Amino acid sequence: MTKLSVNINKIATLRNSRGGDVPNLLKVALDCEKFGAQGITVHPRPDERHIRYKDVYDLKAKITTEFNIEGYPSAKFMDLVTTIKPTQVTLVPDAPDAITSNAGWDTEKNWQFLSETVDTLHSYGIRSSIFVDADSAMIEYAAKTGTDRIELYTEPYAVNYVKNKEVAIAPFAEAAKLAKKLGLGTNAGHDLSLENLHYLHTNIPWLDEVSIGHALISNALYLGLENTIREYRKCLENLK
């Protein structure tokens, strides 16, 4: 069964915009779990413009589902995750000033760095995932690092889905097949929504996890958080 992990960065962005504690990030995370989310994802950035490092400690102490921490593996980030020991760390190649993740790793060029990082995560009992494009060479080199999983960067799928969904899904289905052949688990994330998630899952039913934040929180403004999570779960259960 493909798990739904809710990325709560946008909740932190809203909270930080007023400088207080509304909405309360921890309560939202716990409500997401109560409403059916099977994981919580955060991406603490160096400038803490949304998720703060303190948030990560607070969440670890309370959430009961899988905890996925995304980020560039700087020394500070690695100190955080090896202390927290989340279920999974998703390694992304973002520059410190990136607005959001916008490309996967060049796993060939960064093979040694990623291999050493994966080894460190494994030594702490943390599952590793590497953020990659739907590119066979990048997936093959990701496998050579010893990572447990890859996360497919799905913005190109989402953009092309509205033009031609069969064309949009083709490289991602092939990428997921290759990952499976190489013994990798496969996650997916970025710009997945109620419009395109069901089709993705229908074509790649062995996905381990999807991480969704921006679209899900936006949908919740209209549908409510509980109903929204229920609808996303339906997309992953082929009930839509």
Protein backbone atom coordinates (compact mmCIF):
# COMPACT_ATOMS: atom_id res chain seq x y z
CA MET A 1 0.00 0.00 0.00
CA THR A 2 1.30 3.43 -0.94
CA LYS A 3 1.56 5.67 2.11
CA LEU A 4 0.53 9.31 2.21
CA SER A 5 3.00 11.57 3.98
CA VAL A 6 1.78 15.12 4.51
CA ASN A 7 4.36 17.86 4.15
CA ILE A 8 3.52 20.57 6.68
CA ASN A 9 5.97 23.25 5.54
CA LYS A 10 3.11 25.50 4.39
CA ILE A 11 1.57 25.41 7.85
CA ALA A 12 4.86 26.66 9.27
CA THR A 13 5.02 29.38 6.60
CA LEU A 14 1.56 30.61 7.61
CA ARG A 15 2.49 30.56 11.30
CA ASN A 16 5.75 32.42 10.74
CA SER A 17 4.04 35.15 8.72
CA ARG A 18 2.53 36.54 11.95
CA GLY A 19 5.33 35.63 14.32
CA GLY A 20 3.16 33.73 16.78
CA ASP A 21 1.98 30.16 17.14
CA VAL A 22 -1.17 30.17 14.99
CA PRO A 23 -1.70 27.77 13.40
CA ASN A 24 0.01 25.45 15.84
CA LEU A 25 2.30 23.19 13.81
CA LEU A 26 2.27 20.27 16.23
CA LYS A 27 -1.53 20.23 16.47
CA VAL A 28 -1.85 20.22 12.68
CA ALA A 29 0.62 17.34 12.42
CA LEU A 30 -1.26 15.32 15.02
CA ASP A 31 -4.58 16.11 13.32
CA CYS A 32 -3.14 14.95 9.98
CA GLU A 33 -2.29 11.64 11.62
CA LYS A 34 -5.75 11.43 13.20
CA PHE A 35 -7.37 12.11 9.83
CA GLY A 36 -5.45 9.31 8.10
CA ALA A 37 -2.01 10.57 7.09
CA GLN A 38 0.52 7.76 7.36
CA GLY A 39 3.50 10.03 7.68
CA ILE A 40 4.63 13.60 8.31
CA THR A 41 7.24 15.32 6.15
CA VAL A 42 9.21 18.45 6.94
CA HIS A 43 12.00 20.26 5.12
CA PRO A 44 13.96 22.49 7.51
CA ARG A 45 15.99 25.02 5.55
CA PRO A 46 19.03 26.93 6.79
CA ASP A 47 17.11 30.22 7.08
CA GLU A 48 14.22 28.49 8.94
CA ARG A 49 11.73 30.42 6.81
CA HIS A 50 9.12 27.77 7.45
CA ILE A 51 10.11 24.70 9.49
CA ARG A 52 12.40 25.60 12.36
CA TYR A 53 14.92 23.20 13.80
CA LYS A 54 13.05 23.38 17.12
CA ASP A 55 9.92 22.23 15.30
CA VAL A 56 11.69 19.06 14.26
CA TYR A 57 12.47 18.16 17.88
CA ASP A 58 8.91 18.98 18.97
CA LEU A 59 7.42 16.83 16.21
CA LYS A 60 9.70 13.88 16.88
CA ALA A 61 8.52 13.76 20.48
CA LYS A 62 4.82 13.53 19.54
CA ILE A 63 4.08 12.09 16.12
CA THR A 64 3.45 8.36 15.90
CA THR A 65 3.51 7.75 12.14
CA GLU A 66 6.55 7.76 9.88
CA PHE A 67 8.67 10.90 10.15
CA ASN A 68 10.40 12.00 6.95
CA ILE A 69 12.92 14.85 7.07
CA GLU A 70 14.02 16.34 3.75
CA GLY A 71 17.05 18.49 3.18
CA TYR A 72 20.48 19.12 1.78
CA PRO A 73 22.98 17.11 3.84
CA SER A 74 25.03 19.96 5.26
CA ALA A 75 26.89 19.40 8.52
CA LYS A 76 24.13 21.16 10.48
CA PHE A 77 21.40 19.10 8.79
CA MET A 78 23.24 15.84 9.41
CA ASP A 79 23.74 16.76 13.08
CA LEU A 80 19.98 17.32 13.32
CA VAL A 81 18.86 14.08 11.69
CA THR A 82 21.40 11.86 13.41
CA THR A 83 20.18 13.26 16.73
CA ILE A 84 16.46 13.02 15.87
CA LYS A 85 16.73 9.65 14.08
CA PRO A 86 13.56 9.95 11.95
CA THR A 87 12.16 7.02 10.03
CA GLN A 88 13.52 8.42 6.77
CA VAL A 89 15.79 11.16 5.50
CA THR A 90 15.25 12.35 1.94
CA LEU A 91 18.38 13.91 0.50
CA VAL A 92 17.72 16.85 -1.83
CA PRO A 93 20.27 18.94 -3.76
CA ASP A 94 18.72 22.34 -2.99
CA ALA A 95 20.83 25.45 -2.73
CA PRO A 96 20.27 27.31 0.58
CA ASP A 97 18.26 30.05 -1.15
CA ALA A 98 16.05 27.76 -3.25
CA ILE A 99 12.33 28.54 -2.98
CA THR A 100 11.48 24.86 -3.38
CA SER A 101 13.08 21.70 -4.73
CA ASN A 102 13.35 22.02 -8.51
CA ALA A 103 15.65 19.21 -9.68
CA GLY A 104 16.99 15.86 -8.63
CA TRP A 105 20.59 14.98 -7.77
CA ASP A 106 23.28 14.38 -10.33
CA THR A 107 24.00 11.07 -8.63
CA GLU A 108 26.94 10.27 -10.89
CA LYS A 109 28.78 13.49 -10.13
CA ASN A 110 27.91 13.33 -6.41
CA TRP A 111 28.20 9.56 -6.01
CA GLN A 112 30.94 9.57 -3.37
CA PHE A 113 29.31 12.32 -1.29
CA LEU A 114 25.93 10.61 -1.41
CA SER A 115 27.42 7.19 -0.65
CA GLU A 116 29.13 8.54 2.46
CA THR A 117 25.94 10.31 3.53
CA VAL A 118 23.84 7.18 3.06
CA ASP A 119 26.38 5.17 5.06
CA THR A 120 26.12 7.68 7.90
CA LEU A 121 22.32 7.53 7.90
CA HIS A 122 22.38 3.73 7.92
CA SER A 123 24.80 3.70 10.84
CA TYR A 124 22.09 5.51 12.84
CA GLY A 125 19.33 3.19 11.68
CA ILE A 126 17.75 5.79 9.38
CA ARG A 127 16.19 4.85 6.05
CA SER A 128 17.61 6.87 3.17
CA SER A 129 15.95 8.24 0.05
CA ILE A 130 17.60 10.24 -2.75
CA PHE A 131 15.63 12.82 -4.73
CA VAL A 132 16.12 12.15 -8.45
CA ASP A 133 14.72 12.98 -11.85
CA ALA A 134 13.12 10.26 -13.96
CA ASP A 135 16.47 9.51 -15.60
CA SER A 136 17.83 5.98 -15.86
CA ALA A 137 21.48 6.94 -15.35
CA MET A 138 20.67 8.95 -12.23
CA ILE A 139 18.65 6.05 -10.81
CA GLU A 140 21.42 3.55 -11.55
CA TYR A 141 24.00 5.70 -9.76
CA ALA A 142 21.59 6.25 -6.89
CA ALA A 143 21.38 2.48 -6.48
CA LYS A 144 25.18 2.32 -6.34
CA THR A 145 25.20 4.59 -3.28
CA GLY A 146 23.43 1.90 -1.26
CA THR A 147 20.35 4.04 -0.66
CA ASP A 148 17.14 2.32 0.38
CA ARG A 149 14.87 4.38 -1.85
CA ILE A 150 14.67 7.10 -4.43
CA GLU A 151 12.08 9.86 -4.56
CA LEU A 152 11.01 10.73 -8.08
CA TYR A 153 10.78 14.48 -8.69
CA THR A 154 7.31 14.68 -10.20
CA GLU A 155 6.91 18.33 -11.23
CA PRO A 156 7.49 17.46 -14.94
CA TYR A 157 4.77 14.82 -14.65
CA ALA A 158 2.35 17.32 -13.10
CA VAL A 159 3.08 19.99 -15.72
CA ASN A 160 2.65 17.61 -18.65
CA TYR A 161 -0.33 15.75 -17.18
CA VAL A 162 -2.70 18.53 -18.23
CA LYS A 163 -1.38 18.31 -21.80
CA ASN A 164 -1.16 14.56 -22.32
CA LYS A 165 -1.28 12.26 -19.34
CA GLU A 166 -0.08 9.19 -21.25
CA VAL A 167 3.04 11.02 -22.41
CA ALA A 168 3.50 12.57 -18.96
CA ILE A 169 3.50 9.26 -17.09
CA ALA A 170 5.70 7.29 -19.49
CA PRO A 171 9.18 8.30 -18.22
CA PHE A 172 8.07 7.98 -14.60
CA ALA A 173 6.64 4.50 -15.09
CA GLU A 174 9.89 3.43 -16.76
CA ALA A 175 11.96 5.03 -14.00
CA ALA A 176 9.94 3.26 -11.31
CA LYS A 177 10.31 -0.06 -13.13
CA LEU A 178 14.07 0.40 -13.25
CA ALA A 179 14.21 1.30 -9.57
CA LYS A 180 12.22 -1.82 -8.72
CA LYS A 181 14.56 -3.94 -10.86
CA LEU A 182 17.55 -2.47 -9.01
CA GLY A 183 16.01 -3.30 -5.64
CA LEU A 184 15.17 0.27 -4.68
CA GLY A 185 12.00 1.43 -3.01
CA THR A 186 10.29 4.29 -4.82
CA ASN A 187 8.73 7.42 -3.37
CA ALA A 188 7.32 10.36 -5.32
CA GLY A 189 6.78 14.00 -4.62
CA HIS A 190 6.39 17.55 -5.93
CA ASP A 191 3.26 19.08 -7.43
CA LEU A 192 1.19 15.95 -6.91
CA SER A 193 -2.49 16.80 -6.47
CA LEU A 194 -6.02 15.44 -6.40
CA GLU A 195 -6.06 15.90 -10.17
CA ASN A 196 -2.99 13.84 -11.03
CA LEU A 197 -2.25 11.52 -8.11
CA HIS A 198 -4.73 8.77 -8.94
CA TYR A 199 -3.35 8.34 -12.46
CA LEU A 200 0.22 8.23 -11.15
CA HIS A 201 -0.70 5.55 -8.66
CA THR A 202 -2.66 3.52 -11.18
CA ASN A 203 0.41 3.34 -13.40
CA ILE A 204 2.94 2.86 -10.58
CA PRO A 205 0.94 0.93 -7.96
CA TRP A 206 4.09 -0.25 -6.15
CA LEU A 207 5.03 3.25 -4.99
CA ASP A 208 6.05 3.11 -1.34
CA GLU A 209 5.14 6.67 -0.43
CA VAL A 210 4.05 10.02 -1.78
CA SER A 211 4.91 13.26 0.00
CA ILE A 212 2.43 16.07 -0.64
CA GLY A 213 2.24 19.51 0.88
CA HIS A 214 1.41 22.56 -1.20
CA ALA A 215 -1.58 21.16 -3.12
CA LEU A 216 -2.94 19.30 -0.11
CA ILE A 217 -2.88 22.35 2.16
CA SER A 218 -4.39 24.45 -0.64
CA ASN A 219 -7.22 21.92 -1.09
CA ALA A 220 -7.82 21.98 2.66
CA LEU A 221 -8.77 25.67 2.45
CA TYR A 222 -11.88 24.60 0.55
CA LEU A 223 -12.50 21.00 1.63
CA GLY A 224 -11.21 21.04 5.19
CA LEU A 225 -8.14 19.13 6.32
CA GLU A 226 -9.92 15.91 7.27
CA ASN A 227 -11.85 15.64 3.99
CA THR A 228 -8.77 16.52 1.99
CA ILE A 229 -6.65 13.79 3.54
CA ARG A 230 -9.48 11.34 2.97
CA GLU A 231 -9.62 12.29 -0.72
CA TYR A 232 -5.87 11.88 -1.15
CA ARG A 233 -6.03 8.49 0.53
CA LYS A 234 -8.76 7.47 -1.94
CA CYS A 235 -6.43 8.33 -4.82
CA LEU A 236 -3.92 5.86 -3.41
CA GLU A 237 -6.48 3.14 -2.86
CA ASN A 238 -7.84 3.26 -6.42
CA LEU A 239 -11.24 4.33 -5.10
CA LYS A 240 -11.57 7.55 -7.05
